[in-house]
Amino acid sequence: MKILQDFKEFAVKGNVVDMAVGIIVGAAFGKIVSSFVADVIMPPIGLLLGGVDFSNLVITLKAAADGAAAVTLNYGKFIQSVVDFVIIAFAIFMGVKAISALKKQEAAAPAPPPPTEVLLTEIRDLLKKK
């Protein structure tokens, strides 16, 4: 029973729940970025390169024969994956940079000293003048 209680405490900690939400949102974001790259970014790039569809770029290592499928090197899909990765990495970088900027703004504004400290400082300054 102690193990179940320990697991329950662990599972409902803020960090675990935050991580789970982050993973779910990250997976959804990954699908959005993959669609963005495949459906928006790559068609114009393919058009600029002469109507090339990257997902169809292959090198045939062994042609299909006797009902066996052809052995191909699908480097177009690899190019697509690299572009996906670069865009996702850039988006994450920009998000982290924005969060860091917000944290710096919070840290840059120091909290005002408590009123008792201000009063004591004024008393000290008055005593120094005498």
Protein backbone atom coordinates (compact mmCIF):
# COMPACT_ATOMS: atom_id res chain seq x y z
CA MET A 1 0.00 0.00 0.00
CA LYS A 2 2.90 2.37 0.68
CA ILE A 3 4.08 1.90 -2.90
CA LEU A 4 0.68 2.95 -4.27
CA GLN A 5 0.66 6.04 -2.07
CA ASP A 6 4.18 6.95 -3.15
CA PHE A 7 3.26 6.47 -6.79
CA LYS A 8 0.13 8.61 -6.39
CA GLU A 9 2.19 11.42 -4.83
CA PHE A 10 4.72 11.16 -7.64
CA ALA A 11 2.11 11.07 -10.41
CA VAL A 12 0.19 14.13 -9.24
CA LYS A 13 3.25 16.30 -8.58
CA GLY A 14 3.24 19.46 -10.65
CA ASN A 15 6.38 18.54 -12.58
CA VAL A 16 5.00 15.23 -13.81
CA VAL A 17 1.68 16.73 -14.86
CA ASP A 18 3.45 19.65 -16.57
CA MET A 19 5.72 17.22 -18.40
CA ALA A 20 2.74 15.14 -19.57
CA VAL A 21 0.97 18.24 -20.87
CA GLY A 22 4.17 19.34 -22.60
CA ILE A 23 4.56 15.98 -24.32
CA ILE A 24 0.96 16.00 -25.55
CA VAL A 25 1.19 19.57 -26.81
CA GLY A 26 4.59 18.80 -28.37
CA ALA A 27 3.18 15.84 -30.27
CA ALA A 28 0.33 17.95 -31.61
CA PHE A 29 2.77 20.73 -32.48
CA GLY A 30 4.95 18.22 -34.31
CA LYS A 31 2.01 17.19 -36.50
CA ILE A 32 1.22 20.82 -37.27
CA VAL A 33 4.83 21.57 -38.21
CA SER A 34 5.08 18.42 -40.32
CA SER A 35 1.96 19.43 -42.22
CA PHE A 36 3.28 22.99 -42.58
CA VAL A 37 6.56 21.74 -44.01
CA ALA A 38 5.03 19.08 -46.28
CA ASP A 39 2.08 21.15 -47.52
CA VAL A 40 3.33 24.75 -47.45
CA ILE A 41 7.14 24.89 -47.45
CA MET A 42 8.20 21.98 -49.65
CA PRO A 43 5.89 22.55 -52.69
CA PRO A 44 7.38 25.99 -53.48
CA ILE A 45 10.90 24.65 -52.93
CA GLY A 46 10.12 21.76 -55.25
CA LEU A 47 8.69 24.20 -57.80
CA LEU A 48 11.84 26.33 -57.64
CA LEU A 49 13.89 23.20 -58.25
CA GLY A 50 11.91 22.31 -61.36
CA GLY A 51 8.78 20.67 -60.00
CA VAL A 52 10.60 18.12 -57.87
CA ASP A 53 8.50 16.35 -55.23
CA PHE A 54 10.99 15.51 -52.49
CA SER A 55 9.02 12.54 -51.16
CA ASN A 56 9.43 10.81 -54.54
CA LEU A 57 13.20 11.24 -54.79
CA VAL A 58 14.72 7.76 -54.66
CA ILE A 59 17.72 5.83 -55.87
CA THR A 60 16.83 2.33 -56.96
CA LEU A 61 19.41 -0.10 -55.64
CA LYS A 62 17.69 -3.20 -57.00
CA ALA A 63 14.78 -3.22 -59.41
CA ALA A 64 11.60 -5.11 -58.60
CA ALA A 65 11.70 -8.67 -59.87
CA ASP A 66 9.66 -11.85 -59.45
CA GLY A 67 7.07 -10.26 -57.15
CA ALA A 68 9.70 -8.78 -54.82
CA ALA A 69 9.53 -5.07 -54.22
CA ALA A 70 12.29 -2.83 -55.44
CA VAL A 71 15.03 -1.88 -52.99
CA THR A 72 15.26 1.90 -52.91
CA LEU A 73 17.18 4.56 -51.07
CA ASN A 74 14.53 7.18 -50.22
CA TYR A 75 16.69 10.25 -49.82
CA GLY A 76 13.77 12.58 -50.61
CA LYS A 77 11.99 11.53 -47.43
CA PHE A 78 15.24 12.12 -45.56
CA ILE A 79 15.46 15.66 -46.96
CA GLN A 80 11.84 16.19 -45.88
CA SER A 81 12.66 14.97 -42.35
CA VAL A 82 15.70 17.25 -42.12
CA VAL A 83 13.61 20.28 -43.13
CA ASP A 84 10.95 19.25 -40.57
CA PHE A 85 13.63 19.02 -37.88
CA VAL A 86 15.17 22.39 -38.72
CA ILE A 87 11.80 24.14 -38.60
CA ILE A 88 10.78 22.44 -35.34
CA ALA A 89 14.16 23.19 -33.77
CA PHE A 90 13.91 26.83 -34.84
CA ALA A 91 10.38 27.12 -33.44
CA ILE A 92 11.48 25.63 -30.12
CA PHE A 93 14.53 27.92 -30.06
CA MET A 94 12.31 30.97 -30.59
CA GLY A 95 9.93 29.80 -27.85
CA VAL A 96 12.77 29.27 -25.37
CA LYS A 97 14.25 32.64 -26.32
CA ALA A 98 10.89 34.36 -25.71
CA ILE A 99 10.52 32.67 -22.33
CA SER A 100 14.08 33.66 -21.39
CA ALA A 101 13.35 37.27 -22.34
CA LEU A 102 10.27 37.27 -20.13
CA LYS A 103 12.25 35.83 -17.22
CA LYS A 104 14.96 38.48 -17.69
CA GLN A 105 12.32 41.22 -17.54
CA GLU A 106 10.95 39.77 -14.31
CA ALA A 107 14.44 39.49 -12.82
CA ALA A 108 15.47 42.97 -13.97
CA ALA A 109 12.77 44.69 -11.93
CA PRO A 110 13.91 44.22 -8.32
CA ALA A 111 11.24 44.22 -5.67
CA PRO A 112 11.07 47.40 -3.62
CA PRO A 113 12.48 47.05 -0.11
CA PRO A 114 9.96 46.56 2.70
CA PRO A 115 8.74 49.74 4.45
CA THR A 116 10.60 48.88 7.65
CA GLU A 117 13.88 48.72 5.76
CA VAL A 118 13.19 52.08 4.10
CA LEU A 119 12.42 53.59 7.50
CA LEU A 120 15.59 52.16 9.02
CA THR A 121 17.64 53.50 6.09
CA GLU A 122 16.18 56.98 6.61
CA ILE A 123 16.95 56.83 10.33
CA ARG A 124 20.52 55.72 9.58
CA ASP A 125 20.99 58.58 7.13
CA LEU A 126 19.63 61.11 9.65
CA LEU A 127 21.99 59.79 12.36
CA LYS A 128 24.95 60.11 9.96
CA LYS A 129 24.10 63.78 9.35
CA LYS A 130 24.27 64.59 13.11
